[in-house]
Protein backbone atom coordinates (compact mmCIF):
# COMPACT_ATOMS: atom_id res chain seq x y z
CA MET A 1 -16.64 7.98 -8.10
CA THR A 2 -17.04 4.35 -9.17
CA THR A 3 -17.53 2.06 -6.17
CA MET A 4 -14.86 -0.64 -6.21
CA ALA A 5 -14.83 -4.02 -4.52
CA ILE A 6 -11.78 -5.70 -3.00
CA THR A 7 -12.35 -9.45 -3.24
CA GLY A 8 -8.87 -10.65 -2.33
CA ALA A 9 -5.64 -9.43 -0.75
CA GLY A 10 -2.03 -10.59 -0.75
CA THR A 11 0.41 -9.13 1.73
CA VAL A 12 4.07 -9.40 2.70
CA SER A 13 5.42 -7.72 5.82
CA ALA A 14 7.44 -8.20 8.98
CA ALA A 15 4.15 -8.25 10.93
CA GLY A 16 2.67 -11.14 8.98
CA ARG A 17 1.72 -12.38 5.55
CA THR A 18 -2.06 -12.60 5.88
CA PRO A 19 -4.76 -10.01 6.64
CA ALA A 20 -5.55 -11.87 9.88
CA ALA A 21 -1.92 -11.69 11.00
CA LEU A 22 -1.78 -7.92 10.41
CA ALA A 23 -5.06 -7.42 12.27
CA ALA A 24 -3.69 -9.43 15.18
CA ALA A 25 -0.47 -7.40 15.15
CA LEU A 26 -2.46 -4.23 15.88
CA ARG A 27 -3.39 -5.75 19.23
CA GLY A 28 0.18 -6.68 20.12
CA PRO A 29 3.34 -4.83 21.19
CA ALA A 30 5.55 -2.86 18.85
CA ALA A 31 8.16 -4.83 16.94
CA SER A 32 11.92 -4.36 16.74
CA PRO A 33 14.54 -5.81 14.37
CA ALA A 34 16.14 -9.11 15.28
CA THR A 35 19.40 -8.75 17.20
CA THR A 36 21.25 -11.33 15.09
CA GLU A 37 24.67 -10.38 13.75
CA ASN A 38 24.39 -8.26 10.64
CA PRO A 39 27.45 -8.12 8.37
CA ASP A 40 26.10 -4.96 6.75
CA ALA A 41 25.51 -3.13 10.05
CA GLU A 42 27.65 -0.08 9.27
CA ALA A 43 25.67 0.56 6.09
CA TRP A 44 22.39 1.07 7.97
CA PRO A 45 21.30 4.31 9.67
CA GLY A 46 20.79 3.32 13.29
CA GLY A 47 20.81 -0.42 12.55
CA PRO A 48 18.79 -2.63 10.19
CA GLY A 49 15.05 -2.38 9.86
CA LEU A 50 12.12 -4.80 9.89
CA ALA A 51 12.41 -7.16 6.92
CA VAL A 52 9.98 -9.83 5.73
CA ASP A 53 11.19 -12.79 7.76
CA GLY A 54 12.98 -15.44 5.73
CA PHE A 55 11.94 -14.06 2.35
CA ASP A 56 13.96 -15.68 -0.44
CA ILE A 57 12.96 -15.10 -4.04
CA ARG A 58 14.05 -18.50 -5.34
CA ALA A 59 12.46 -20.35 -2.44
CA GLU A 60 9.19 -18.51 -3.06
CA LEU A 61 9.11 -18.53 -6.87
CA GLY A 62 11.71 -21.03 -8.03
CA ARG A 63 14.82 -20.46 -10.11
CA LYS A 64 13.24 -20.22 -13.55
CA GLY A 65 12.66 -16.64 -14.66
CA THR A 66 13.87 -15.06 -11.41
CA SER A 67 17.59 -14.70 -12.11
CA PHE A 68 17.50 -10.91 -12.30
CA PHE A 69 14.58 -10.23 -9.94
CA ASP A 70 15.40 -7.64 -7.31
CA ARG A 71 13.75 -7.88 -3.90
CA ARG A 72 10.92 -5.47 -4.73
CA THR A 73 10.01 -7.44 -7.85
CA GLY A 74 10.01 -10.71 -5.90
CA LEU A 75 7.81 -9.24 -3.16
CA THR A 76 5.39 -7.87 -5.77
CA VAL A 77 5.02 -11.15 -7.67
CA VAL A 78 4.46 -13.09 -4.43
CA ALA A 79 1.83 -10.59 -3.19
CA CYS A 80 0.03 -10.67 -6.56
CA GLY A 81 -0.11 -14.47 -6.47
CA GLN A 82 -1.48 -14.43 -2.92
CA ALA A 83 -4.14 -11.87 -3.87
CA LEU A 84 -5.36 -13.90 -6.85
CA ALA A 85 -5.50 -17.07 -4.75
CA ASP A 86 -7.27 -15.26 -1.91
CA ALA A 87 -9.93 -13.99 -4.34
CA GLY A 88 -10.29 -17.40 -5.97
CA VAL A 89 -9.41 -15.91 -9.36
CA GLU A 90 -8.25 -18.30 -12.09
CA VAL A 91 -6.35 -16.07 -14.51
CA GLY A 92 -6.63 -18.66 -17.26
CA THR A 93 -10.42 -18.27 -17.33
CA LEU A 94 -10.22 -14.50 -17.92
CA ASP A 95 -9.39 -12.36 -20.93
CA PRO A 96 -5.77 -11.39 -20.13
CA ALA A 97 -6.17 -8.13 -22.07
CA ARG A 98 -8.86 -7.05 -19.58
CA VAL A 99 -6.79 -7.68 -16.43
CA GLY A 100 -4.23 -5.07 -15.40
CA ILE A 101 -1.80 -4.09 -12.67
CA VAL A 102 -1.49 -0.73 -10.90
CA LEU A 103 1.46 -0.58 -8.51
CA GLY A 104 2.42 2.22 -6.14
CA THR A 105 5.90 2.99 -4.85
CA THR A 106 8.16 5.73 -3.52
CA ALA A 107 11.00 5.53 -6.02
CA GLY A 108 11.10 1.96 -7.28
CA SER A 109 14.07 -0.13 -6.13
CA VAL A 110 16.46 2.44 -4.68
CA ARG A 111 19.10 -0.25 -4.18
CA SER A 112 19.00 -1.34 -7.84
CA SER A 113 19.28 2.24 -9.07
CA VAL A 114 22.17 3.12 -6.76
CA ASP A 115 24.09 -0.12 -7.35
CA TYR A 116 23.82 0.24 -11.12
CA ALA A 117 24.89 3.89 -10.97
CA VAL A 118 27.89 2.99 -8.80
CA ASP A 119 28.94 0.33 -11.32
CA THR A 120 29.19 2.97 -14.06
CA PHE A 121 31.92 4.63 -11.98
CA VAL A 122 33.83 1.67 -10.52
CA GLN A 123 33.83 -0.96 -13.27
CA ASP A 124 36.63 -1.16 -15.80
CA ARG A 125 36.30 0.88 -18.95
CA PRO A 126 34.36 0.89 -21.19
CA TYR A 127 32.18 0.78 -18.08
CA MET A 128 31.54 -2.96 -18.00
CA VAL A 129 28.28 -2.85 -16.07
CA ASN A 130 25.98 -5.86 -16.01
CA ALA A 131 23.32 -4.93 -18.58
CA GLY A 132 21.02 -7.61 -17.16
CA LEU A 133 20.62 -5.52 -14.00
CA PHE A 134 19.41 -2.44 -15.84
CA PRO A 135 15.68 -3.38 -16.03
CA THR A 136 15.41 -3.40 -12.22
CA THR A 137 16.40 0.28 -12.13
CA VAL A 138 13.16 1.16 -13.96
CA MET A 139 10.28 1.91 -11.58
CA ASN A 140 7.82 -0.14 -13.64
CA CYS A 141 10.01 -3.26 -13.50
CA ALA A 142 8.06 -4.96 -10.70
CA ALA A 143 4.67 -4.34 -12.30
CA GLY A 144 5.94 -5.45 -15.70
CA GLN A 145 7.49 -8.65 -14.36
CA ALA A 146 4.31 -9.47 -12.41
CA ALA A 147 2.26 -9.06 -15.58
CA ILE A 148 4.62 -11.38 -17.46
CA TRP A 149 4.59 -13.91 -14.61
CA PHE A 150 0.77 -14.18 -14.59
CA GLY A 151 0.25 -13.62 -18.32
CA LEU A 152 -1.66 -10.34 -17.97
CA ARG A 153 -1.83 -8.01 -20.97
CA GLY A 154 -4.07 -5.25 -19.64
CA VAL A 155 -3.19 -1.81 -18.26
CA ASN A 156 0.21 -1.79 -16.55
CA ALA A 157 1.12 1.29 -14.54
CA THR A 158 3.36 2.35 -11.67
CA ILE A 159 2.57 5.43 -9.57
CA ALA A 160 5.35 7.05 -7.51
CA GLY A 161 3.37 8.83 -4.82
CA GLY A 162 5.25 8.38 -1.56
CA ALA A 163 2.83 8.34 1.37
CA MET A 164 0.02 9.19 -1.06
CA ALA A 165 0.73 6.18 -3.31
CA LEU A 166 -2.18 3.99 -2.18
CA ILE A 167 -4.80 6.73 -2.47
CA SER A 168 -3.40 7.64 -5.89
CA VAL A 169 -3.52 3.97 -6.93
CA LEU A 170 -7.15 3.67 -5.80
CA ARG A 171 -8.15 6.86 -7.63
CA TYR A 172 -6.36 5.78 -10.82
CA SER A 173 -7.91 2.30 -10.60
CA ALA A 174 -11.40 3.74 -10.19
CA ASN A 175 -10.91 5.78 -13.36
CA LEU A 176 -9.72 2.68 -15.27
CA LEU A 177 -12.73 0.65 -14.21
CA ARG A 178 -15.21 3.50 -14.74
CA THR A 179 -14.01 4.11 -18.29
CA GLY A 180 -14.08 0.43 -19.19
CA GLN A 181 -10.32 0.04 -19.67
CA ALA A 182 -10.18 -3.05 -17.44
CA ASP A 183 -12.51 -5.61 -15.87
CA LEU A 184 -10.19 -6.65 -13.06
CA LEU A 185 -7.12 -5.04 -11.50
CA LEU A 186 -4.31 -6.11 -9.23
CA ALA A 187 -3.66 -2.86 -7.36
CA GLY A 188 -1.56 -1.99 -4.37
CA VAL A 189 1.79 -0.74 -3.08
CA ILE A 190 5.05 -2.62 -2.49
CA ASP A 191 8.44 -1.30 -1.38
CA GLU A 192 11.61 -3.14 -0.37
CA LEU A 193 14.01 -2.69 2.54
CA SER A 194 17.69 -2.00 1.92
CA PRO A 195 20.34 0.29 3.43
CA HIS A 196 19.76 2.60 0.47
CA ALA A 197 16.00 2.83 1.09
CA ALA A 198 16.58 3.21 4.85
CA TRP A 199 18.86 6.20 4.33
CA LEU A 200 16.31 7.73 1.96
CA ALA A 201 13.61 7.28 4.61
CA ARG A 202 15.79 8.96 7.26
CA THR A 203 16.59 11.95 5.08
CA SER A 204 12.96 12.38 4.04
CA GLY A 205 11.56 12.47 7.57
CA LEU A 206 11.21 9.05 9.19
CA PRO A 207 9.47 9.49 12.57
CA PRO A 208 11.82 9.27 15.59
CA ALA A 209 12.29 5.76 17.06
CA THR A 210 10.60 4.17 14.04
CA TYR A 211 12.36 1.38 12.21
CA PRO A 212 12.32 1.26 8.41
CA GLY A 213 10.33 -1.67 7.06
CA GLU A 214 9.35 -3.32 3.81
CA GLY A 215 6.53 -5.13 2.08
CA GLY A 216 3.05 -3.99 1.24
CA ALA A 217 -0.13 -5.43 -0.21
CA MET A 218 -1.84 -6.09 -3.51
CA PHE A 219 -5.64 -6.17 -3.85
CA VAL A 220 -7.97 -7.69 -6.44
CA LEU A 221 -10.23 -4.82 -7.52
CA SER A 222 -13.40 -4.86 -9.60
CA GLN A 223 -16.16 -2.37 -10.33
CA GLY A 224 -19.32 -2.19 -8.25
CA GLY A 225 -20.17 -4.12 -5.12
CA GLY A 226 -18.77 -7.42 -6.40
CA THR A 227 -20.25 -10.80 -5.57
CA ASP A 228 -18.85 -10.98 -2.06
CA PRO A 229 -16.50 -8.07 -1.34
CA ASP A 230 -14.19 -7.98 1.65
CA VAL A 231 -14.02 -4.20 1.37
CA GLU A 232 -15.76 -1.62 -0.80
CA ILE A 233 -13.96 1.59 -1.77
CA LEU A 234 -16.78 4.14 -1.61
CA GLY A 235 -15.00 7.46 -2.07
CA VAL A 236 -11.54 8.80 -2.87
CA ALA A 237 -10.44 12.44 -2.93
CA VAL A 238 -7.06 14.10 -3.38
CA GLY A 239 -5.82 17.66 -3.03
CA PHE A 240 -2.76 19.84 -2.60
CA SER A 241 -1.60 22.73 -0.45
CA ALA A 242 1.74 24.45 -0.89
CA THR A 243 1.77 25.90 2.64
CA PHE A 244 1.60 24.18 6.01
CA ALA A 245 -0.99 26.65 7.31
CA ASP A 246 -3.50 25.64 4.64
CA ARG A 247 -2.73 21.90 4.62
CA PRO A 248 -5.15 20.76 7.36
CA ALA A 249 -8.00 22.57 5.59
CA ALA A 250 -7.00 20.92 2.30
CA LEU A 251 -7.12 17.50 3.95
CA GLY A 252 -10.46 18.40 5.53
CA GLY A 253 -11.80 19.16 2.06
CA CYS A 254 -10.69 15.70 0.89
CA VAL A 255 -12.47 14.10 3.86
CA ARG A 256 -15.69 15.97 3.01
CA ARG A 257 -15.58 14.95 -0.65
CA ALA A 258 -14.79 11.33 0.17
CA LEU A 259 -17.67 11.20 2.66
CA ALA A 260 -20.02 12.75 0.09
CA SER A 261 -19.06 10.03 -2.41
CA ALA A 262 -19.65 7.37 0.24
CA GLU A 263 -23.08 8.80 1.02
CA ARG A 264 -23.99 8.73 -2.68
CA ALA A 265 -22.89 5.08 -2.72
CA GLY A 266 -25.42 4.27 -0.01
CA ALA A 267 -23.21 4.33 3.08
CA ASP A 268 -24.84 4.98 6.44
CA LEU A 269 -22.80 7.89 7.73
CA GLY A 270 -25.01 8.01 10.81
CA GLY A 271 -23.28 4.85 11.95
CA GLY A 272 -20.02 6.75 12.27
CA VAL A 273 -16.51 5.98 11.07
CA ALA A 274 -14.83 3.24 13.06
CA ALA A 275 -11.19 3.84 12.21
CA VAL A 276 -8.92 6.38 10.57
CA TRP A 277 -5.45 5.27 9.63
CA GLY A 278 -2.43 6.91 8.08
CA ARG A 279 1.35 7.07 8.18
CA PRO A 280 2.67 9.31 10.98
CA THR A 281 5.48 11.61 9.91
CA ALA A 282 8.45 13.19 11.67
CA ASP A 283 6.48 16.43 12.09
CA GLU A 284 4.27 15.75 15.12
CA ARG A 285 2.85 19.28 15.03
CA GLU A 286 1.59 18.79 11.48
CA ASP A 287 0.24 15.32 12.28
CA ARG A 288 -1.76 16.70 15.23
CA ALA A 289 -3.16 19.53 13.12
CA MET A 290 -4.20 17.05 10.42
CA TRP A 291 -5.82 14.71 12.95
CA ARG A 292 -7.81 17.54 14.54
CA GLU A 293 -9.13 18.58 11.13
CA VAL A 294 -10.12 15.02 10.24
CA CYS A 295 -11.97 14.63 13.55
CA ARG A 296 -13.68 18.00 13.03
CA GLU A 297 -14.97 16.97 9.61
CA LEU A 298 -16.18 13.61 10.90
CA ASP A 299 -17.92 15.33 13.82
CA ALA A 300 -19.65 17.67 11.37
CA ALA A 301 -20.85 14.59 9.46
CA GLY A 302 -22.36 13.16 12.64
CA SER A 303 -19.62 10.66 13.47
CA ALA A 304 -18.10 10.12 16.90
CA LYS A 305 -14.34 10.47 17.30
CA PRO A 306 -12.84 7.50 15.43
CA GLU A 307 -10.13 5.09 16.44
CA LEU A 308 -6.67 5.84 15.04
CA LEU A 309 -4.92 2.80 13.58
CA THR A 310 -1.55 2.19 11.92
CA THR A 311 0.68 -0.85 11.41
CA GLN A 312 3.80 1.29 11.45
CA ALA A 313 4.91 0.20 14.94
CA HIS A 314 4.48 -3.47 14.01
CA ALA A 315 5.74 -3.71 10.42
CA GLY A 316 8.12 -0.74 10.42
CA ASP A 317 7.80 2.40 8.37
CA CYS A 318 7.25 0.98 4.89
CA GLY A 319 7.03 4.40 3.25
CA SER A 320 4.47 4.37 0.49
CA ALA A 321 3.44 0.80 1.39
CA THR A 322 2.41 1.59 4.98
CA ALA A 323 -1.11 2.61 3.97
CA ALA A 324 -1.54 -0.61 1.97
CA LEU A 325 -0.63 -2.65 5.05
CA ASP A 326 -3.05 -0.58 7.14
CA LEU A 327 -5.87 -1.27 4.69
CA THR A 328 -5.03 -4.98 4.80
CA ALA A 329 -5.19 -4.92 8.61
CA VAL A 330 -8.63 -3.29 8.53
CA LEU A 331 -9.74 -5.91 5.98
CA GLY A 332 -8.44 -8.59 8.36
CA ARG A 333 -10.43 -7.13 11.27
CA HIS A 334 -13.62 -7.56 9.26
CA ARG A 335 -13.06 -11.05 7.85
CA ASP A 336 -14.17 -13.03 10.90
CA SER A 337 -16.24 -10.33 12.59
CA PRO A 338 -19.84 -10.24 11.28
CA GLU A 339 -20.65 -7.69 13.99
CA ARG A 340 -18.52 -5.20 12.04
CA ASP A 341 -20.38 -5.70 8.74
CA GLY A 342 -20.98 -2.40 6.97
CA GLU A 343 -18.64 -0.48 9.27
CA LEU A 344 -16.88 2.49 7.68
CA SER A 345 -13.19 3.33 7.95
CA MET A 346 -11.15 6.11 6.42
CA LEU A 347 -7.64 6.35 5.05
CA VAL A 348 -5.95 9.74 5.28
CA SER A 349 -2.50 10.60 3.93
CA HIS A 350 -0.32 13.63 3.39
CA THR A 351 3.20 14.26 2.14
CA PRO A 352 5.81 16.88 3.14
CA ASP A 353 5.44 18.61 -0.22
CA GLY A 354 1.72 19.26 0.31
CA ALA A 355 -0.25 16.42 -1.29
CA VAL A 356 -3.26 15.28 0.76
CA GLY A 357 -5.87 12.61 0.28
CA ALA A 358 -8.66 10.60 1.87
CA ALA A 359 -10.58 7.43 1.06
CA VAL A 360 -13.68 5.90 2.69
CA VAL A 361 -14.00 2.12 2.79
CA ARG A 362 -16.74 -0.22 4.01
CA GLY A 363 -15.77 -3.62 5.39
CA TRP A 364 -17.56 -6.97 5.40
CA SER A 365 -16.99 -10.40 6.85
CA ARG A 366 -16.42 -13.22 4.39
CA GLY A 367 -19.73 -14.57 3.10
CA ALA A 368 -21.72 -11.62 4.47
CA HIS A 369 -23.53 -11.11 1.15
CA ARG A 370 -24.45 -14.80 0.86
CA ARG A 371 -26.19 -15.06 4.23
């Protein structure tokens, strides 16, 4: 696999809007939704979730060009802008045809799709729906609007992968860079919070006592080690198992392949893997079986039992975006910690329908490669 460098990150979440804030959240107590009066309370399953505090599209981006932005599109554009600024990238100095966007999601904006569908039933004939709202029902709306906002004309893709979205985005991005289809990518996962998305999360297996959340992260990706990477993506592997009995072994195979790619990229596996992170599911039995298999594979590779990390208790269950927030938190742990330079971490994910995946990353403090 092509080694990729993350040189900047932009994040939006209830736990913070910087990598440092997410890293700090991991050390703090679990979060809960504000207890302020909510006029929409009856629409939520078990009460509202963890929203990005005070997020207002017009306040963030202005009025021009945002009239029909839904919340997911606004979050995506803001995160992309933060990522470019964090990486010090001036889009105007680049060839816009060589800069692309790869965005992961669960199902796009569930609220936009449901609201538009409802209008086709309740509005006066001949079904006087607001045609201006239709673009937000398309899953690629957020990626497309972000490309327009920043003037990017390169690859533009949206991957609906659920909990596997980030790993799928990283794998797809590696292929784009390896085959020369882009020089720079904005890649990540963003999902919004709404009663519609919260109900979808409940019906698809939200862990007990976990609040739905929103947000995610976008990363600036380039091929190779980069000039001063925050994180290097050394190996990505995906797989599938149709039966629960075979799923831990399928995930173990992904871990082995990802570690083999990392070793080929020059990683010191003898130093161990510091952290494994992933989105817990409602099936604790399956989660435990997966964790045991991951630890077994790491032990076979000579690594001690790793630390298990997730931002889920602090930012809410953000569905497909949870892994992106976890990666941002790990990036934040490295930024001001030179003692962690070169440390390996691993992302593992699986979905109820049998998709599994793993990715190995190596973190650095800022300026580590210039010392």
